[in-house]
C-alpha atoms as a PDB file:
ATOM      1  CA  UNK A   1     -12.125  -4.640   9.692  1.00  0.00           C
ATOM      2  CA  UNK A   2      -9.420  -6.064   7.496  1.00  0.00           C
ATOM      3  CA  UNK A   3      -9.911  -9.741   6.800  1.00  0.00           C
ATOM      4  CA  UNK A   4      -6.885 -11.585   8.146  1.00  0.00           C
ATOM      5  CA  UNK A   5      -7.005 -13.884   5.113  1.00  0.00           C
ATOM      6  CA  UNK A   6      -5.943 -10.985   2.918  1.00  0.00           C
ATOM      7  CA  UNK A   7      -3.221  -9.626   5.183  1.00  0.00           C
ATOM      8  CA  UNK A   8      -0.691 -12.443   4.816  1.00  0.00           C
ATOM      9  CA  UNK A   9      -0.732 -12.585   0.984  1.00  0.00           C
ATOM     10  CA  UNK A  10      -0.496  -8.787   0.893  1.00  0.00           C
ATOM     11  CA  UNK A  11       2.563  -8.844   3.126  1.00  0.00           C
ATOM     12  CA  UNK A  12       4.203 -11.570   1.058  1.00  0.00           C
ATOM     13  CA  UNK A  13       3.521  -9.845  -2.268  1.00  0.00           C
ATOM     14  CA  UNK A  14       4.528  -6.432  -0.916  1.00  0.00           C
ATOM     15  CA  UNK A  15       7.724  -7.846   0.526  1.00  0.00           C
ATOM     16  CA  UNK A  16       8.706  -9.243  -2.870  1.00  0.00           C
ATOM     17  CA  UNK A  17       7.616  -6.323  -5.048  1.00  0.00           C
ATOM     18  CA  UNK A  18       8.633  -3.440  -2.789  1.00  0.00           C
ATOM     19  CA  UNK A  19      12.420  -3.814  -3.039  1.00  0.00           C
ATOM     20  CA  UNK A  20      12.236  -4.458  -6.800  1.00  0.00           C
ATOM     21  CA  UNK A  21      10.179  -1.321  -7.366  1.00  0.00           C
ATOM     22  CA  UNK A  22      12.443   0.734  -5.090  1.00  0.00           C
ATOM     23  CA  UNK A  23      15.480  -0.106  -7.224  1.00  0.00           C
ATOM     24  CA  UNK A  24      13.907   1.319 -10.385  1.00  0.00           C
ATOM     25  CA  UNK A  25      11.917   4.253  -8.990  1.00  0.00           C
ATOM     26  CA  UNK A  26      13.198   7.591  -7.735  1.00  0.00           C
ATOM     27  CA  UNK A  27      12.933   7.961  -3.924  1.00  0.00           C
ATOM     28  CA  UNK A  28      10.850  11.119  -4.170  1.00  0.00           C
ATOM     29  CA  UNK A  29       8.401   9.490  -6.596  1.00  0.00           C
ATOM     30  CA  UNK A  30       8.211   6.392  -4.382  1.00  0.00           C
ATOM     31  CA  UNK A  31       7.306   8.617  -1.422  1.00  0.00           C
ATOM     32  CA  UNK A  32       4.549  10.307  -3.469  1.00  0.00           C
ATOM     33  CA  UNK A  33       3.144   6.912  -4.519  1.00  0.00           C
ATOM     34  CA  UNK A  34       3.115   5.771  -0.883  1.00  0.00           C
ATOM     35  CA  UNK A  35       1.297   8.931   0.262  1.00  0.00           C
ATOM     36  CA  UNK A  36      -1.216   8.577  -2.591  1.00  0.00           C
ATOM     37  CA  UNK A  37      -2.061   4.986  -1.625  1.00  0.00           C
ATOM     38  CA  UNK A  38      -2.320   5.912   2.059  1.00  0.00           C
ATOM     39  CA  UNK A  39      -4.766   8.667   1.092  1.00  0.00           C
ATOM     40  CA  UNK A  40      -6.832   6.223  -0.967  1.00  0.00           C
ATOM     41  CA  UNK A  41      -6.947   3.754   1.925  1.00  0.00           C
ATOM     42  CA  UNK A  42      -7.953   6.543   4.326  1.00  0.00           C
ATOM     43  CA  UNK A  43     -10.779   7.729   2.072  1.00  0.00           C
ATOM     44  CA  UNK A  44     -11.934   4.135   1.605  1.00  0.00           C
ATOM     45  CA  UNK A  45     -12.023   3.555   5.379  1.00  0.00           C
ATOM     46  CA  UNK A  46     -13.900   6.792   5.997  1.00  0.00           C
ATOM     47  CA  UNK A  47     -16.594   6.030   3.417  1.00  0.00           C
ATOM     48  CA  UNK A  48     -16.984   2.440   4.600  1.00  0.00           C
ATOM     49  CA  UNK A  49     -17.493   3.582   8.192  1.00  0.00           C
ATOM     50  CA  UNK A  50     -20.845   5.262   7.391  1.00  0.00           C
END
């Protein structure tokens, strides 16, 4: 499970960086980055479940 100690800093950092990145990055590229990171998280969770 996700350690709750890491969730709050992640939310705070993501909330600050997300809008700044979105200003400079094309919407289509931003969507591809998001899907890529979701895929990495999914693979990580699958391998850690064994």
